[in-house]
Protein backbone atom coordinates (compact mmCIF):
# COMPACT_ATOMS: atom_id res chain seq x y z
CA MET A 1 -105.94 -42.13 193.59
CA GLU A 2 -102.14 -42.68 193.20
CA ALA A 3 -100.14 -39.52 192.65
CA SER A 4 -96.75 -38.13 194.03
CA VAL A 5 -98.24 -34.73 193.97
CA ILE A 6 -101.99 -33.78 193.74
CA HIS A 7 -102.67 -30.85 191.42
CA PRO A 8 -104.77 -28.03 193.44
CA LYS A 9 -107.39 -28.15 190.57
CA THR A 10 -108.07 -31.74 191.48
CA LEU A 11 -108.64 -30.72 195.15
CA GLN A 12 -110.93 -27.79 194.49
CA PRO A 13 -114.18 -29.80 193.72
CA LEU A 14 -113.61 -31.73 197.03
CA GLN A 15 -112.86 -28.53 199.01
CA ARG A 16 -116.06 -26.91 197.55
CA LYS A 17 -118.32 -29.67 198.70
CA GLU A 18 -116.24 -30.37 201.88
CA ILE A 19 -115.43 -33.84 200.99
CA PRO A 20 -112.63 -35.22 202.87
CA LEU A 21 -109.69 -36.61 200.92
CA PHE A 22 -107.96 -39.81 202.21
CA VAL A 23 -104.29 -40.18 201.46
CA LYS A 24 -102.33 -43.34 201.88
CA SER A 25 -98.69 -44.13 201.13
CA PHE A 26 -98.22 -46.23 198.14
CA ILE A 27 -94.73 -47.24 199.25
CA ASN A 28 -96.20 -48.74 202.36
CA PRO A 29 -99.94 -49.12 201.66
CA LEU A 30 -100.54 -51.13 204.87
CA LEU A 31 -99.83 -48.04 207.10
CA PRO A 32 -102.67 -45.99 208.12
CA GLY A 33 -103.50 -43.14 205.90
CA THR A 34 -104.40 -39.63 206.69
CA SER A 35 -107.56 -37.80 206.23
CA VAL A 36 -107.52 -34.23 204.82
CA SER A 37 -110.52 -32.26 205.44
CA LYS A 38 -111.91 -28.65 206.24
CA GLY A 39 -110.77 -27.35 209.44
CA ALA A 40 -108.26 -30.23 210.09
CA ASP A 41 -104.75 -29.20 210.55
CA LEU A 42 -101.76 -31.39 209.71
CA GLU A 43 -100.01 -32.55 212.79
CA PRO A 44 -97.08 -32.05 213.12
CA GLN A 45 -96.92 -28.91 210.88
CA LEU A 46 -93.81 -29.56 208.75
CA PRO A 47 -92.54 -27.23 206.21
CA CYS A 48 -94.15 -28.03 202.76
CA TYR A 49 -92.09 -26.83 199.65
CA ILE A 50 -93.30 -25.89 196.05
CA ILE A 51 -90.38 -24.95 193.75
CA LYS A 52 -91.06 -23.16 190.30
CA LYS A 53 -87.83 -22.81 188.24
CA ASN A 54 -87.39 -20.86 185.00
CA GLN A 55 -89.46 -17.94 186.21
CA LEU A 56 -89.16 -14.19 185.29
CA LEU A 57 -89.06 -11.58 187.95
CA LEU A 58 -90.39 -8.21 186.53
CA SER A 59 -90.34 -5.02 188.32
CA LEU A 60 -91.99 -2.04 187.06
CA SER A 61 -92.05 1.71 188.30
CA SER A 62 -93.49 4.87 186.77
CA LEU A 63 -91.48 7.09 184.42
CA ASP A 64 -92.61 10.27 185.92
CA PHE A 65 -92.30 9.10 189.67
CA SER A 66 -96.05 9.01 190.05
CA PHE A 67 -97.98 6.29 191.74
CA ILE A 68 -98.86 2.93 190.36
CA MET A 69 -102.57 2.98 190.58
CA GLU A 70 -105.28 0.34 190.32
CA GLU A 71 -105.91 1.11 186.76
CA HIS A 72 -102.31 0.66 185.95
CA ILE A 73 -102.30 -2.79 187.56
CA SER A 74 -105.53 -3.82 185.90
CA GLU A 75 -103.91 -3.00 182.50
CA ILE A 76 -100.81 -4.93 183.39
CA PHE A 77 -102.94 -7.95 184.32
CA ALA A 78 -104.91 -7.67 181.11
CA LEU A 79 -101.71 -7.60 179.09
CA PHE A 80 -100.42 -10.70 181.05
CA HIS A 81 -103.83 -12.44 180.29
CA LYS A 82 -103.65 -11.56 176.62
CA HIS A 83 -100.19 -12.94 176.19
CA LYS A 84 -100.51 -16.10 178.43
CA LEU A 85 -97.96 -15.07 181.11
CA LYS A 86 -98.84 -16.87 184.38
CA VAL A 87 -98.61 -14.93 187.58
CA ASN A 88 -97.25 -16.56 190.36
CA LEU A 89 -96.22 -13.83 192.96
CA ILE A 90 -97.17 -10.10 193.17
CA GLN A 91 -95.52 -7.45 195.42
CA ASN A 92 -96.94 -3.86 195.19
CA SER A 93 -96.17 -0.62 196.61
CA ALA A 94 -97.47 2.85 195.78
CA ILE A 95 -94.43 3.49 193.37
CA SER A 96 -93.37 0.09 192.26
CA PHE A 97 -95.00 -3.26 191.16
CA SER A 98 -93.13 -6.56 190.98
CA VAL A 99 -94.36 -9.76 189.68
CA CYS A 100 -93.01 -13.30 189.24
CA ILE A 101 -94.22 -14.83 186.12
CA GLU A 102 -94.11 -17.91 183.98
CA ASP A 103 -93.67 -17.46 180.18
CA LYS A 104 -94.31 -20.84 178.58
CA PHE A 105 -95.22 -19.48 175.33
CA GLY A 106 -92.24 -17.12 174.88
CA ASN A 107 -94.47 -13.78 174.81
CA PHE A 108 -92.45 -11.89 177.43
CA GLU A 109 -90.47 -9.69 174.90
CA GLU A 110 -93.56 -8.38 173.33
CA VAL A 111 -95.09 -7.67 176.53
CA LYS A 112 -91.94 -6.03 177.87
CA ASN A 113 -91.86 -3.60 174.77
CA ILE A 114 -95.52 -2.67 175.45
CA LEU A 115 -94.75 -1.94 179.07
CA ALA A 116 -91.65 0.08 178.32
CA LYS A 117 -93.89 2.72 176.71
CA LYS A 118 -95.38 3.55 180.13
CA PHE A 119 -93.05 2.16 182.82
CA LYS A 120 -89.44 1.72 183.97
CA ILE A 121 -88.68 -1.88 183.52
CA SER A 122 -86.04 -3.96 185.23
CA PHE A 123 -86.10 -7.93 185.11
CA ASN A 124 -84.36 -11.16 185.94
CA GLU A 125 -84.66 -14.12 183.77
CA ASN A 126 -84.44 -17.83 184.95
CA VAL A 127 -85.20 -17.30 188.64
CA SER A 128 -86.69 -19.53 190.89
CA LEU A 129 -89.68 -19.23 193.27
CA TYR A 130 -89.81 -21.08 196.48
CA THR A 131 -92.97 -21.33 198.46
CA ILE A 132 -92.97 -22.72 201.89
CA ARG A 133 -96.00 -23.30 203.69
CA HIS A 134 -95.43 -23.66 207.57
CA PHE A 135 -91.88 -22.28 207.15
CA ASP A 136 -89.32 -22.20 210.00
CA GLU A 137 -85.74 -20.81 210.17
CA LYS A 138 -84.36 -24.05 208.82
CA ALA A 139 -86.60 -24.04 205.99
CA ARG A 140 -85.71 -20.36 205.05
CA GLU A 141 -81.97 -21.16 205.39
CA ILE A 142 -82.34 -24.23 203.00
CA VAL A 143 -83.83 -22.06 200.10
CA GLU A 144 -81.58 -18.89 200.66
CA THR A 145 -78.30 -20.45 201.26
CA ASN A 146 -75.83 -19.85 198.36
CA LYS A 147 -78.31 -17.87 196.36
CA THR A 148 -79.06 -14.22 195.80
CA VAL A 149 -82.58 -13.42 197.09
CA LEU A 150 -84.11 -10.93 194.84
CA LEU A 151 -87.57 -10.70 196.47
CA LYS A 152 -89.10 -12.15 199.71
CA GLN A 153 -92.59 -12.21 201.00
CA ILE A 154 -93.61 -13.49 204.55
CA SER A 155 -97.31 -13.95 205.81
CA ARG A 156 -98.54 -15.70 208.84
CA GLU A 157 -97.62 -19.29 207.59
CA THR A 158 -96.15 -18.90 204.13
CA LEU A 159 -92.84 -17.74 203.04
CA GLN A 160 -92.06 -16.92 199.35
CA VAL A 161 -88.66 -16.32 197.97
CA VAL A 162 -87.48 -15.30 194.45
CA THR A 163 -83.81 -16.37 194.06
CA LYS A 164 -81.21 -16.34 191.40
CA GLU A 165 -78.61 -19.19 191.58
């Protein structure tokens, strides 16, 4: 397989059947390749970047200061699904719900009008979502320098940052 980027949906059947993927350089095909398989960690663990541009950051809170409950979130996701808005990041608390979405089909305005009937809405258009697997301080600096950080999530091995240039 020759690809500069391998789409996750291509890897899912291999992962399900636990079939290793052998990757070689097509710049230098005589070099030894790398086998990627279940349980095998990449060494050394270098930061891996995914950048999604032209995103929308939408934040919702209740109009009456009540909690945003599971039924609200379910309703929001059903609305996103119906209007083909792709969710790339979620941040939730008892009183607010933020989501980074992709609006390939131009349906956000309609969704925003529907949500405005039940929620207080704020949003930022044309933001970038950076996902860094195996992040370190240098990787964090690279994506945050000279940008306004609107939302940040850190888990054990992954950093996600929504920025405005």
